[in-house]
Every structure is written in C-alpha cells, then in structure tokens.
Amino acid sequence: MRVHELIDILSDQPPEAEVELAVIAPVDGESDDITVDRYFVDGVLPWQDAEDDDGAEVAGELTIWLVGGEEPDVNAFLDAIEQPDDE
C-alpha cells in the first residue's frame, strides 16, 4: 500500500476514530484456525532496506512502518534502532 492510498482510505473515516493495527496469523501450520492480535499504532518509522535476501548491500525503496505492539517490546525496538552502529 502506498502512503497516498492509506491517506485516501483514512480520509473517509471519522476523524475521532481510533486506529489500530491488526495482525492476523495462523495458530499453527496444521490448522485453519487463526489468531488476531490488535495493537495501537505507537509510531511511524521510515525504513529503507540496506541489503537484499543474499546479504548484498542495495539501495532499497523507502518503506513506512506503522509500529505497534506490547509497550515494553515497542520501547525496546525503538531503543535498539536508535543506537548508533558499533562498527
């Protein structure tokens, strides 16, 4: 989904409505059962991939991540990505 598509979708919604992120995943590989985890969107993070699937460095396309999850996990993630490289 492109940013302009998300803006178009959200512009049709009531401005006071809460936005959540719903992650749908199978319970296990053997079953048709699914689970739905709902999270508040805690932040927006511009992200650019620096390597391809083989580990080679590439100039990737800019992606915007909607970040959400359990608060301690989100805080740990944000702290980890804000750390400068030790290389």
C-alpha atoms as a PDB file:
ATOM      1  CA  MET A   1       0.000   0.000   0.000  1.00  0.00           C
ATOM      2  CA  ARG A   2       1.272   3.463  -0.839  1.00  0.00           C
ATOM      3  CA  VAL A   3       1.023   6.406   1.575  1.00  0.00           C
ATOM      4  CA  HIS A   4      -1.479   8.219  -0.663  1.00  0.00           C
ATOM      5  CA  GLU A   5      -3.707   5.117  -0.681  1.00  0.00           C
ATOM      6  CA  LEU A   6      -3.708   4.957   3.122  1.00  0.00           C
ATOM      7  CA  ILE A   7      -4.466   8.676   3.332  1.00  0.00           C
ATOM      8  CA  ASP A   8      -7.384   8.215   0.909  1.00  0.00           C
ATOM      9  CA  ILE A   9      -8.800   5.340   2.959  1.00  0.00           C
ATOM     10  CA  LEU A  10      -8.419   7.175   6.261  1.00  0.00           C
ATOM     11  CA  SER A  11      -9.880  10.413   4.884  1.00  0.00           C
ATOM     12  CA  ASP A  12     -13.240   8.612   4.551  1.00  0.00           C
ATOM     13  CA  GLN A  13     -13.243   7.663   8.257  1.00  0.00           C
ATOM     14  CA  PRO A  14     -14.472   9.724  11.226  1.00  0.00           C
ATOM     15  CA  PRO A  15     -11.571  11.900  12.412  1.00  0.00           C
ATOM     16  CA  GLU A  16     -12.056  10.858  16.054  1.00  0.00           C
ATOM     17  CA  ALA A  17     -11.943   7.101  15.299  1.00  0.00           C
ATOM     18  CA  GLU A  18      -9.092   5.137  16.891  1.00  0.00           C
ATOM     19  CA  VAL A  19      -6.563   3.499  14.545  1.00  0.00           C
ATOM     20  CA  GLU A  20      -5.285   0.039  15.438  1.00  0.00           C
ATOM     21  CA  LEU A  21      -3.017  -2.453  13.740  1.00  0.00           C
ATOM     22  CA  ALA A  22      -4.500  -5.945  13.410  1.00  0.00           C
ATOM     23  CA  VAL A  23      -2.063  -8.808  12.813  1.00  0.00           C
ATOM     24  CA  ILE A  24      -3.710 -11.980  11.558  1.00  0.00           C
ATOM     25  CA  ALA A  25      -1.675 -15.180  11.783  1.00  0.00           C
ATOM     26  CA  PRO A  26      -2.312 -18.929  11.754  1.00  0.00           C
ATOM     27  CA  VAL A  27      -2.459 -20.580  15.169  1.00  0.00           C
ATOM     28  CA  ASP A  28      -0.301 -23.387  13.777  1.00  0.00           C
ATOM     29  CA  GLY A  29       0.580 -24.818  10.381  1.00  0.00           C
ATOM     30  CA  GLU A  30      -1.694 -27.841  10.739  1.00  0.00           C
ATOM     31  CA  SER A  31      -4.973 -25.994  11.285  1.00  0.00           C
ATOM     32  CA  ASP A  32      -7.248 -23.480   9.603  1.00  0.00           C
ATOM     33  CA  ASP A  33      -7.563 -21.608  12.926  1.00  0.00           C
ATOM     34  CA  ILE A  34      -6.258 -18.050  13.041  1.00  0.00           C
ATOM     35  CA  THR A  35      -5.476 -15.564  15.756  1.00  0.00           C
ATOM     36  CA  VAL A  36      -5.927 -11.788  15.625  1.00  0.00           C
ATOM     37  CA  ASP A  37      -3.642  -9.566  17.676  1.00  0.00           C
ATOM     38  CA  ARG A  38      -4.727  -5.916  17.941  1.00  0.00           C
ATOM     39  CA  TYR A  39      -2.290  -3.128  18.743  1.00  0.00           C
ATOM     40  CA  PHE A  40      -2.424   0.649  18.900  1.00  0.00           C
ATOM     41  CA  VAL A  41      -0.181   2.349  16.370  1.00  0.00           C
ATOM     42  CA  ASP A  42       2.535   3.803  18.601  1.00  0.00           C
ATOM     43  CA  GLY A  43       4.605   5.400  15.900  1.00  0.00           C
ATOM     44  CA  VAL A  44       5.580   5.738  12.275  1.00  0.00           C
ATOM     45  CA  LEU A  45       9.073   4.811  11.142  1.00  0.00           C
ATOM     46  CA  PRO A  46      10.591   5.500   7.731  1.00  0.00           C
ATOM     47  CA  TRP A  47      12.692   2.458   6.800  1.00  0.00           C
ATOM     48  CA  GLN A  48      14.991   1.745   3.893  1.00  0.00           C
ATOM     49  CA  ASP A  49      16.327  -1.765   3.341  1.00  0.00           C
ATOM     50  CA  ALA A  50      20.103  -1.814   3.142  1.00  0.00           C
ATOM     51  CA  GLU A  51      20.582  -5.371   1.857  1.00  0.00           C
ATOM     52  CA  ASP A  52      18.833  -7.950  -0.282  1.00  0.00           C
ATOM     53  CA  ASP A  53      17.932 -11.544   0.626  1.00  0.00           C
ATOM     54  CA  ASP A  54      21.519 -12.663  -0.094  1.00  0.00           C
ATOM     55  CA  GLY A  55      23.015 -10.074   2.272  1.00  0.00           C
ATOM     56  CA  ALA A  56      24.381  -7.854  -0.501  1.00  0.00           C
ATOM     57  CA  GLU A  57      24.042  -4.115   0.144  1.00  0.00           C
ATOM     58  CA  VAL A  58      21.475  -2.360  -2.038  1.00  0.00           C
ATOM     59  CA  ALA A  59      19.711   0.985  -2.132  1.00  0.00           C
ATOM     60  CA  GLY A  60      16.208  -0.119  -1.202  1.00  0.00           C
ATOM     61  CA  GLU A  61      12.902   1.626  -1.683  1.00  0.00           C
ATOM     62  CA  LEU A  62      11.691   3.758   1.201  1.00  0.00           C
ATOM     63  CA  THR A  63       9.029   1.990   3.262  1.00  0.00           C
ATOM     64  CA  ILE A  64       6.924   3.469   6.056  1.00  0.00           C
ATOM     65  CA  TRP A  65       6.375   1.163   9.029  1.00  0.00           C
ATOM     66  CA  LEU A  66       3.390   1.565  11.319  1.00  0.00           C
ATOM     67  CA  VAL A  67       4.859   0.463  14.653  1.00  0.00           C
ATOM     68  CA  GLY A  68       2.756  -1.142  17.349  1.00  0.00           C
ATOM     69  CA  GLY A  69       2.871  -3.933  19.898  1.00  0.00           C
ATOM     70  CA  GLU A  70       3.203  -4.501  23.580  1.00  0.00           C
ATOM     71  CA  GLU A  71       4.630  -1.312  25.130  1.00  0.00           C
ATOM     72  CA  PRO A  72       7.854  -2.861  26.544  1.00  0.00           C
ATOM     73  CA  ASP A  73       8.543  -4.540  23.181  1.00  0.00           C
ATOM     74  CA  VAL A  74       7.930  -1.327  21.208  1.00  0.00           C
ATOM     75  CA  ASN A  75      10.178   0.641  23.570  1.00  0.00           C
ATOM     76  CA  ALA A  76      12.961  -1.969  23.300  1.00  0.00           C
ATOM     77  CA  PHE A  77      12.654  -1.963  19.496  1.00  0.00           C
ATOM     78  CA  LEU A  78      12.773   1.825  19.243  1.00  0.00           C
ATOM     79  CA  ASP A  79      15.735   1.972  21.639  1.00  0.00           C
ATOM     80  CA  ALA A  80      17.584  -0.671  19.598  1.00  0.00           C
ATOM     81  CA  ILE A  81      17.159   1.076  16.254  1.00  0.00           C
ATOM     82  CA  GLU A  82      18.183   4.440  17.699  1.00  0.00           C
ATOM     83  CA  GLN A  83      21.563   3.059  18.801  1.00  0.00           C
ATOM     84  CA  PRO A  84      24.475   4.046  16.551  1.00  0.00           C
ATOM     85  CA  ASP A  85      26.315   1.186  14.838  1.00  0.00           C
ATOM     86  CA  ASP A  86      29.273  -0.094  16.862  1.00  0.00           C
ATOM     87  CA  GLU A  87      31.222  -0.883  13.671  1.00  0.00           C
END
